[in-house]
């Protein structure tokens, strides 16, 4: 995802007077710019950084939904709406079958040794930002049993 696309969408939401979308996209852009400044890439923000921040924001909003009290249904609905908007910009994640195929193809020797820690250590850097960490952990646990 490119930050320019997010900025254009935010402007479109402002013109359409869509406050919810504008706020969600605006918070994404702010988070991306903050990380870019922290990492010293303020002028030329790479797509990898944008995708990483979007995934982090998706995870953050999901946690907000989980921790929101049940009696605050209005707040919970607001978080769900924000999540649906942010998820449109998130990179496509690998499925369980794709993760299994990737791991069995590249790390067959480590799986044969049933060394879960070593498999995770080697797999995570390669699949970072492409697959959910919890799902990778489940697949590796299944393969190493």
N, C-alpha and C. Protein backbone atom coordinates (compact mmCIF):
# COMPACT_ATOMS: atom_id res chain seq x y z
N UNK A 1 0.85 -1.18 0.00
CA UNK A 1 0.00 0.00 0.00
C UNK A 1 0.89 1.24 0.00
N UNK A 2 0.54 2.20 -0.77
CA UNK A 2 1.29 3.45 -0.84
C UNK A 2 0.57 4.52 -0.04
N UNK A 3 1.35 5.35 0.63
CA UNK A 3 0.75 6.39 1.47
C UNK A 3 -0.05 7.39 0.64
N UNK A 4 0.33 7.57 -0.63
CA UNK A 4 -0.39 8.50 -1.50
C UNK A 4 -1.84 8.06 -1.69
N UNK A 5 -2.06 6.76 -1.78
CA UNK A 5 -3.43 6.22 -1.93
C UNK A 5 -4.25 6.56 -0.69
N UNK A 6 -3.64 6.38 0.48
CA UNK A 6 -4.33 6.71 1.73
C UNK A 6 -4.69 8.20 1.77
N UNK A 7 -3.75 9.04 1.35
CA UNK A 7 -4.00 10.47 1.39
C UNK A 7 -5.13 10.86 0.43
N UNK A 8 -5.15 10.26 -0.76
CA UNK A 8 -6.23 10.55 -1.72
C UNK A 8 -7.58 10.09 -1.16
N UNK A 9 -7.60 8.92 -0.52
CA UNK A 9 -8.84 8.41 0.07
C UNK A 9 -9.32 9.31 1.21
N UNK A 10 -8.38 9.84 1.98
CA UNK A 10 -8.75 10.73 3.07
C UNK A 10 -9.37 12.02 2.51
N UNK A 11 -8.78 12.55 1.46
CA UNK A 11 -9.33 13.76 0.83
C UNK A 11 -10.72 13.49 0.27
N UNK A 12 -10.88 12.32 -0.37
CA UNK A 12 -12.19 11.94 -0.92
C UNK A 12 -13.23 11.84 0.20
N UNK A 13 -12.83 11.27 1.34
CA UNK A 13 -13.75 11.14 2.48
C UNK A 13 -14.11 12.51 3.04
N UNK A 14 -13.15 13.42 3.05
CA UNK A 14 -13.41 14.77 3.53
C UNK A 14 -14.42 15.47 2.62
N UNK A 15 -14.23 15.32 1.31
CA UNK A 15 -15.14 15.94 0.35
C UNK A 15 -16.55 15.35 0.45
N UNK A 16 -16.61 14.05 0.74
CA UNK A 16 -17.90 13.37 0.87
C UNK A 16 -18.52 13.57 2.25
N UNK A 17 -17.81 14.30 3.11
CA UNK A 17 -18.24 14.54 4.49
C UNK A 17 -18.48 13.23 5.25
N UNK A 18 -17.61 12.24 4.97
CA UNK A 18 -17.65 10.93 5.64
C UNK A 18 -16.65 10.96 6.79
N UNK A 19 -17.11 11.44 7.94
CA UNK A 19 -16.24 11.64 9.09
C UNK A 19 -15.60 10.35 9.59
N UNK A 20 -16.34 9.26 9.60
CA UNK A 20 -15.84 7.99 10.13
C UNK A 20 -14.65 7.51 9.29
N UNK A 21 -14.81 7.49 7.97
CA UNK A 21 -13.73 7.05 7.09
C UNK A 21 -12.55 8.01 7.18
N UNK A 22 -12.83 9.30 7.20
CA UNK A 22 -11.75 10.29 7.28
C UNK A 22 -10.94 10.09 8.55
N UNK A 23 -11.62 9.89 9.68
CA UNK A 23 -10.92 9.70 10.96
C UNK A 23 -10.07 8.43 10.95
N UNK A 24 -10.61 7.34 10.40
CA UNK A 24 -9.87 6.07 10.37
C UNK A 24 -8.63 6.19 9.49
N UNK A 25 -8.79 6.74 8.30
CA UNK A 25 -7.67 6.88 7.37
C UNK A 25 -6.66 7.89 7.89
N UNK A 26 -7.16 8.96 8.48
CA UNK A 26 -6.30 9.99 9.04
C UNK A 26 -5.42 9.41 10.17
N UNK A 27 -6.00 8.58 11.02
CA UNK A 27 -5.21 7.98 12.10
C UNK A 27 -4.16 7.02 11.55
N UNK A 28 -4.50 6.33 10.46
CA UNK A 28 -3.52 5.45 9.79
C UNK A 28 -2.35 6.26 9.26
N UNK A 29 -2.65 7.35 8.57
CA UNK A 29 -1.60 8.20 8.00
C UNK A 29 -0.71 8.75 9.11
N UNK A 30 -1.31 9.19 10.20
CA UNK A 30 -0.54 9.73 11.33
C UNK A 30 0.40 8.66 11.91
N UNK A 31 -0.11 7.44 12.08
CA UNK A 31 0.71 6.36 12.61
C UNK A 31 1.87 6.04 11.66
N UNK A 32 1.58 6.03 10.37
CA UNK A 32 2.61 5.74 9.37
C UNK A 32 3.70 6.82 9.40
N UNK A 33 3.28 8.08 9.43
CA UNK A 33 4.24 9.17 9.44
C UNK A 33 5.10 9.15 10.71
N UNK A 34 4.49 8.80 11.83
CA UNK A 34 5.24 8.73 13.09
C UNK A 34 6.34 7.67 13.00
N UNK A 35 5.98 6.48 12.50
CA UNK A 35 6.97 5.40 12.36
C UNK A 35 8.04 5.80 11.35
N UNK A 36 7.63 6.43 10.25
CA UNK A 36 8.59 6.87 9.23
C UNK A 36 9.59 7.86 9.81
N UNK A 37 9.12 8.79 10.62
CA UNK A 37 10.02 9.76 11.25
C UNK A 37 10.96 9.05 12.21
N UNK A 38 10.41 8.13 13.01
CA UNK A 38 11.23 7.37 13.97
C UNK A 38 12.32 6.58 13.26
N UNK A 39 12.01 6.06 12.06
CA UNK A 39 12.98 5.24 11.33
C UNK A 39 13.81 6.05 10.34
N UNK A 40 13.60 7.36 10.29
CA UNK A 40 14.41 8.22 9.43
C UNK A 40 14.08 8.14 7.95
N UNK A 41 12.86 7.73 7.61
CA UNK A 41 12.47 7.64 6.20
C UNK A 41 11.28 8.56 5.92
N UNK A 42 11.32 9.74 6.49
CA UNK A 42 10.19 10.66 6.42
C UNK A 42 9.89 11.12 5.00
N UNK A 43 10.91 11.35 4.20
CA UNK A 43 10.72 11.88 2.84
C UNK A 43 10.23 10.82 1.87
N UNK A 44 10.75 9.61 1.99
CA UNK A 44 10.42 8.55 1.04
C UNK A 44 9.95 7.33 1.83
N UNK A 45 8.67 7.25 2.09
CA UNK A 45 8.12 6.19 2.94
C UNK A 45 7.93 4.92 2.11
N UNK A 46 8.66 3.82 2.46
CA UNK A 46 8.54 2.57 1.68
C UNK A 46 7.21 1.86 1.93
N UNK A 47 6.76 1.11 0.92
CA UNK A 47 5.49 0.38 1.03
C UNK A 47 5.54 -0.63 2.17
N UNK A 48 6.69 -1.24 2.40
CA UNK A 48 6.84 -2.24 3.47
C UNK A 48 6.49 -1.63 4.82
N UNK A 49 6.95 -0.40 5.06
CA UNK A 49 6.67 0.29 6.32
C UNK A 49 5.17 0.58 6.43
N UNK A 50 4.56 1.02 5.35
CA UNK A 50 3.12 1.32 5.35
C UNK A 50 2.33 0.06 5.69
N UNK A 51 2.67 -1.06 5.02
CA UNK A 51 1.96 -2.32 5.28
C UNK A 51 2.14 -2.77 6.73
N UNK A 52 3.36 -2.63 7.24
CA UNK A 52 3.64 -3.05 8.62
C UNK A 52 2.81 -2.24 9.61
N UNK A 53 2.72 -0.93 9.41
CA UNK A 53 1.96 -0.08 10.32
C UNK A 53 0.46 -0.38 10.21
N UNK A 54 -0.02 -0.62 8.99
CA UNK A 54 -1.44 -0.94 8.82
C UNK A 54 -1.77 -2.22 9.58
N UNK A 55 -0.94 -3.24 9.46
CA UNK A 55 -1.18 -4.50 10.18
C UNK A 55 -1.17 -4.28 11.69
N UNK A 56 -0.26 -3.43 12.16
CA UNK A 56 -0.19 -3.13 13.59
C UNK A 56 -1.47 -2.42 14.05
N UNK A 57 -1.98 -1.51 13.23
CA UNK A 57 -3.21 -0.79 13.56
C UNK A 57 -4.42 -1.74 13.56
N UNK A 58 -4.45 -2.68 12.62
CA UNK A 58 -5.53 -3.67 12.58
C UNK A 58 -5.53 -4.47 13.88
N UNK A 59 -4.35 -4.90 14.29
CA UNK A 59 -4.22 -5.68 15.53
C UNK A 59 -4.65 -4.84 16.74
N UNK A 60 -4.27 -3.58 16.75
CA UNK A 60 -4.63 -2.68 17.84
C UNK A 60 -6.14 -2.49 17.95
N UNK A 61 -6.81 -2.29 16.81
CA UNK A 61 -8.26 -2.09 16.83
C UNK A 61 -8.98 -3.38 17.25
N UNK A 62 -8.45 -4.53 16.82
CA UNK A 62 -9.04 -5.81 17.25
C UNK A 62 -8.94 -5.96 18.77
N UNK A 63 -7.82 -5.54 19.34
CA UNK A 63 -7.66 -5.60 20.79
C UNK A 63 -8.64 -4.65 21.48
N UNK A 64 -8.87 -3.48 20.87
CA UNK A 64 -9.83 -2.54 21.44
C UNK A 64 -11.23 -3.15 21.46
N UNK A 65 -11.57 -3.86 20.40
CA UNK A 65 -12.89 -4.50 20.33
C UNK A 65 -13.00 -5.57 21.42
N UNK A 66 -11.94 -6.37 21.59
CA UNK A 66 -11.94 -7.44 22.58
C UNK A 66 -12.02 -6.92 24.02
N UNK A 67 -11.39 -5.79 24.28
CA UNK A 67 -11.34 -5.28 25.65
C UNK A 67 -12.46 -4.30 25.97
N UNK A 68 -13.25 -3.95 24.98
CA UNK A 68 -14.35 -3.01 25.19
C UNK A 68 -15.45 -3.67 26.02
N UNK A 69 -15.93 -3.00 27.06
CA UNK A 69 -17.00 -3.57 27.88
C UNK A 69 -18.27 -3.81 27.06
N UNK A 70 -18.99 -4.88 27.39
CA UNK A 70 -20.20 -5.23 26.64
C UNK A 70 -21.28 -4.15 26.72
N UNK A 71 -21.34 -3.44 27.84
CA UNK A 71 -22.38 -2.42 27.97
C UNK A 71 -22.11 -1.19 27.09
N UNK A 72 -20.91 -1.07 26.53
CA UNK A 72 -20.58 0.04 25.63
C UNK A 72 -20.70 -0.41 24.17
N UNK A 73 -21.89 -0.79 23.79
CA UNK A 73 -22.15 -1.29 22.44
C UNK A 73 -21.87 -0.22 21.38
N UNK A 74 -22.13 1.05 21.71
CA UNK A 74 -21.86 2.15 20.78
C UNK A 74 -20.38 2.26 20.43
N UNK A 75 -19.54 2.14 21.46
CA UNK A 75 -18.09 2.20 21.28
C UNK A 75 -17.59 0.99 20.50
N UNK A 76 -18.12 -0.17 20.85
CA UNK A 76 -17.73 -1.41 20.18
C UNK A 76 -18.07 -1.32 18.69
N UNK A 77 -19.24 -0.78 18.38
CA UNK A 77 -19.66 -0.63 16.97
C UNK A 77 -18.74 0.34 16.23
N UNK A 78 -18.32 1.38 16.91
CA UNK A 78 -17.41 2.35 16.32
C UNK A 78 -16.06 1.68 15.99
N UNK A 79 -15.55 0.86 16.91
CA UNK A 79 -14.30 0.14 16.67
C UNK A 79 -14.44 -0.82 15.49
N UNK A 80 -15.57 -1.51 15.42
CA UNK A 80 -15.79 -2.46 14.31
C UNK A 80 -15.84 -1.74 12.97
N UNK A 81 -16.46 -0.57 12.94
CA UNK A 81 -16.50 0.22 11.71
C UNK A 81 -15.10 0.66 11.31
N UNK A 82 -14.33 1.13 12.28
CA UNK A 82 -12.95 1.53 12.02
C UNK A 82 -12.14 0.35 11.49
N UNK A 83 -12.33 -0.81 12.11
CA UNK A 83 -11.61 -2.02 11.68
C UNK A 83 -11.94 -2.36 10.23
N UNK A 84 -13.20 -2.31 9.87
CA UNK A 84 -13.59 -2.65 8.49
C UNK A 84 -12.97 -1.68 7.49
N UNK A 85 -12.83 -0.41 7.87
CA UNK A 85 -12.21 0.57 6.98
C UNK A 85 -10.71 0.31 6.85
N UNK A 86 -10.04 0.08 7.98
CA UNK A 86 -8.59 -0.14 7.96
C UNK A 86 -8.24 -1.43 7.23
N UNK A 87 -9.06 -2.47 7.41
CA UNK A 87 -8.77 -3.76 6.77
C UNK A 87 -8.78 -3.68 5.24
N UNK A 88 -9.48 -2.69 4.67
CA UNK A 88 -9.47 -2.51 3.22
C UNK A 88 -8.07 -2.20 2.71
N UNK A 89 -7.27 -1.58 3.55
CA UNK A 89 -5.92 -1.17 3.15
C UNK A 89 -4.85 -2.19 3.55
N UNK A 90 -5.20 -3.14 4.37
CA UNK A 90 -4.23 -4.13 4.85
C UNK A 90 -3.79 -5.05 3.72
N UNK A 91 -2.52 -5.47 3.73
CA UNK A 91 -2.06 -6.41 2.71
C UNK A 91 -2.72 -7.77 2.88
N UNK A 92 -2.88 -8.49 1.78
CA UNK A 92 -3.50 -9.82 1.80
C UNK A 92 -2.60 -10.80 2.56
N UNK A 93 -3.17 -11.51 3.51
CA UNK A 93 -2.40 -12.45 4.32
C UNK A 93 -2.47 -13.85 3.72
N UNK A 94 -1.44 -14.64 4.02
CA UNK A 94 -1.39 -16.02 3.52
C UNK A 94 -2.40 -16.88 4.30
N UNK A 95 -2.96 -17.88 3.62
CA UNK A 95 -3.88 -18.80 4.27
C UNK A 95 -3.10 -19.89 4.99
N UNK A 96 -3.81 -20.68 5.79
CA UNK A 96 -3.16 -21.78 6.51
C UNK A 96 -2.52 -22.77 5.55
N UNK A 97 -3.20 -23.07 4.45
CA UNK A 97 -2.67 -24.01 3.46
C UNK A 97 -1.40 -23.46 2.81
N UNK A 98 -1.39 -22.17 2.51
CA UNK A 98 -0.20 -21.55 1.90
C UNK A 98 0.98 -21.56 2.87
N UNK A 99 0.71 -21.30 4.14
CA UNK A 99 1.77 -21.31 5.15
C UNK A 99 2.33 -22.72 5.29
N UNK A 100 1.44 -23.71 5.36
CA UNK A 100 1.87 -25.10 5.48
C UNK A 100 2.75 -25.49 4.30
N UNK A 101 2.32 -25.16 3.09
CA UNK A 101 3.09 -25.49 1.89
C UNK A 101 4.45 -24.81 1.91
N UNK A 102 4.49 -23.55 2.30
CA UNK A 102 5.74 -22.79 2.34
C UNK A 102 6.72 -23.42 3.33
N UNK A 103 6.23 -23.74 4.53
CA UNK A 103 7.10 -24.28 5.57
C UNK A 103 7.59 -25.68 5.20
N UNK A 104 6.70 -26.54 4.71
CA UNK A 104 7.12 -27.91 4.38
C UNK A 104 8.10 -27.91 3.21
N UNK A 105 7.97 -26.96 2.31
CA UNK A 105 8.87 -26.89 1.16
C UNK A 105 10.26 -26.38 1.57
N UNK A 106 10.30 -25.32 2.36
CA UNK A 106 11.57 -24.67 2.67
C UNK A 106 12.28 -25.22 3.91
N UNK A 107 11.52 -25.77 4.85
CA UNK A 107 12.12 -26.17 6.13
C UNK A 107 11.83 -27.62 6.48
N UNK A 108 11.83 -28.50 5.48
CA UNK A 108 11.53 -29.92 5.70
C UNK A 108 12.52 -30.55 6.67
N UNK A 109 13.79 -30.19 6.58
CA UNK A 109 14.80 -30.76 7.47
C UNK A 109 14.55 -30.40 8.94
N UNK A 110 14.15 -29.16 9.21
CA UNK A 110 13.88 -28.74 10.58
C UNK A 110 12.60 -29.38 11.12
N UNK A 111 11.61 -29.57 10.24
CA UNK A 111 10.36 -30.21 10.66
C UNK A 111 10.64 -31.67 10.99
N UNK A 112 11.49 -32.31 10.20
CA UNK A 112 11.84 -33.70 10.44
C UNK A 112 12.51 -33.85 11.82
N UNK A 113 13.28 -32.86 12.21
CA UNK A 113 13.94 -32.89 13.52
C UNK A 113 12.97 -32.52 14.65
N UNK A 114 11.75 -32.08 14.28
CA UNK A 114 10.71 -31.68 15.23
C UNK A 114 11.19 -30.59 16.18
N UNK A 115 12.00 -29.68 15.65
CA UNK A 115 12.53 -28.59 16.44
C UNK A 115 11.69 -27.33 16.18
N UNK A 116 10.62 -27.20 16.94
CA UNK A 116 9.66 -26.10 16.73
C UNK A 116 10.32 -24.73 16.87
N UNK A 117 11.15 -24.57 17.86
CA UNK A 117 11.81 -23.28 18.08
C UNK A 117 12.67 -22.86 16.91
N UNK A 118 13.41 -23.81 16.36
CA UNK A 118 14.27 -23.52 15.22
C UNK A 118 13.45 -23.20 13.97
N UNK A 119 12.34 -23.93 13.79
CA UNK A 119 11.46 -23.68 12.64
C UNK A 119 10.92 -22.26 12.75
N UNK A 120 10.39 -21.90 13.91
CA UNK A 120 9.81 -20.56 14.11
C UNK A 120 10.86 -19.47 13.89
N UNK A 121 12.06 -19.71 14.39
CA UNK A 121 13.14 -18.73 14.26
C UNK A 121 13.45 -18.45 12.79
N UNK A 122 13.39 -19.48 11.96
CA UNK A 122 13.71 -19.32 10.54
C UNK A 122 12.52 -18.85 9.71
N UNK A 123 11.32 -19.27 10.09
CA UNK A 123 10.12 -18.95 9.31
C UNK A 123 9.67 -17.50 9.53
N UNK A 124 9.67 -17.03 10.76
CA UNK A 124 9.11 -15.71 11.08
C UNK A 124 9.71 -14.56 10.26
N UNK A 125 11.03 -14.48 10.11
CA UNK A 125 11.55 -13.36 9.31
C UNK A 125 11.08 -13.40 7.86
N UNK A 126 10.91 -14.59 7.30
CA UNK A 126 10.50 -14.71 5.91
C UNK A 126 9.01 -14.41 5.70
N UNK A 127 8.18 -14.71 6.71
CA UNK A 127 6.74 -14.51 6.55
C UNK A 127 6.23 -13.26 7.27
N UNK A 128 7.13 -12.48 7.84
CA UNK A 128 6.72 -11.28 8.57
C UNK A 128 5.96 -10.34 7.63
N UNK A 129 4.74 -9.97 8.03
CA UNK A 129 3.93 -9.08 7.22
C UNK A 129 3.15 -9.78 6.12
N UNK A 130 3.41 -11.09 5.96
CA UNK A 130 2.71 -11.84 4.91
C UNK A 130 1.69 -12.81 5.51
N UNK A 131 1.89 -13.15 6.78
CA UNK A 131 1.00 -14.11 7.44
C UNK A 131 0.88 -13.74 8.93
N UNK A 132 -0.22 -14.14 9.53
CA UNK A 132 -0.47 -13.88 10.94
C UNK A 132 0.43 -14.76 11.80
N UNK A 133 1.10 -14.17 12.78
CA UNK A 133 2.03 -14.90 13.64
C UNK A 133 1.38 -16.05 14.40
N UNK A 134 0.15 -15.84 14.88
CA UNK A 134 -0.55 -16.90 15.62
C UNK A 134 -0.82 -18.10 14.70
N UNK A 135 -1.22 -17.81 13.47
CA UNK A 135 -1.51 -18.87 12.52
C UNK A 135 -0.23 -19.64 12.16
N UNK A 136 0.88 -18.91 11.99
CA UNK A 136 2.16 -19.56 11.72
C UNK A 136 2.52 -20.49 12.87
N UNK A 137 2.34 -20.02 14.09
CA UNK A 137 2.66 -20.81 15.28
C UNK A 137 1.82 -22.09 15.31
N UNK A 138 0.51 -21.98 14.99
CA UNK A 138 -0.36 -23.16 14.98
C UNK A 138 0.08 -24.16 13.93
N UNK A 139 0.42 -23.67 12.74
CA UNK A 139 0.86 -24.55 11.65
C UNK A 139 2.15 -25.27 12.04
N UNK A 140 3.09 -24.52 12.60
CA UNK A 140 4.38 -25.13 13.00
C UNK A 140 4.16 -26.16 14.10
N UNK A 141 3.28 -25.87 15.05
CA UNK A 141 2.99 -26.83 16.12
C UNK A 141 2.40 -28.12 15.55
N UNK A 142 1.50 -27.97 14.57
CA UNK A 142 0.91 -29.15 13.92
C UNK A 142 1.96 -29.97 13.19
N UNK A 143 2.83 -29.29 12.47
CA UNK A 143 3.85 -29.97 11.67
C UNK A 143 4.92 -30.66 12.53
N UNK A 144 5.18 -30.09 13.68
CA UNK A 144 6.23 -30.64 14.55
C UNK A 144 5.73 -31.71 15.51
N UNK A 145 4.43 -31.99 15.53
CA UNK A 145 3.89 -33.03 16.42
C UNK A 145 4.19 -34.42 15.90
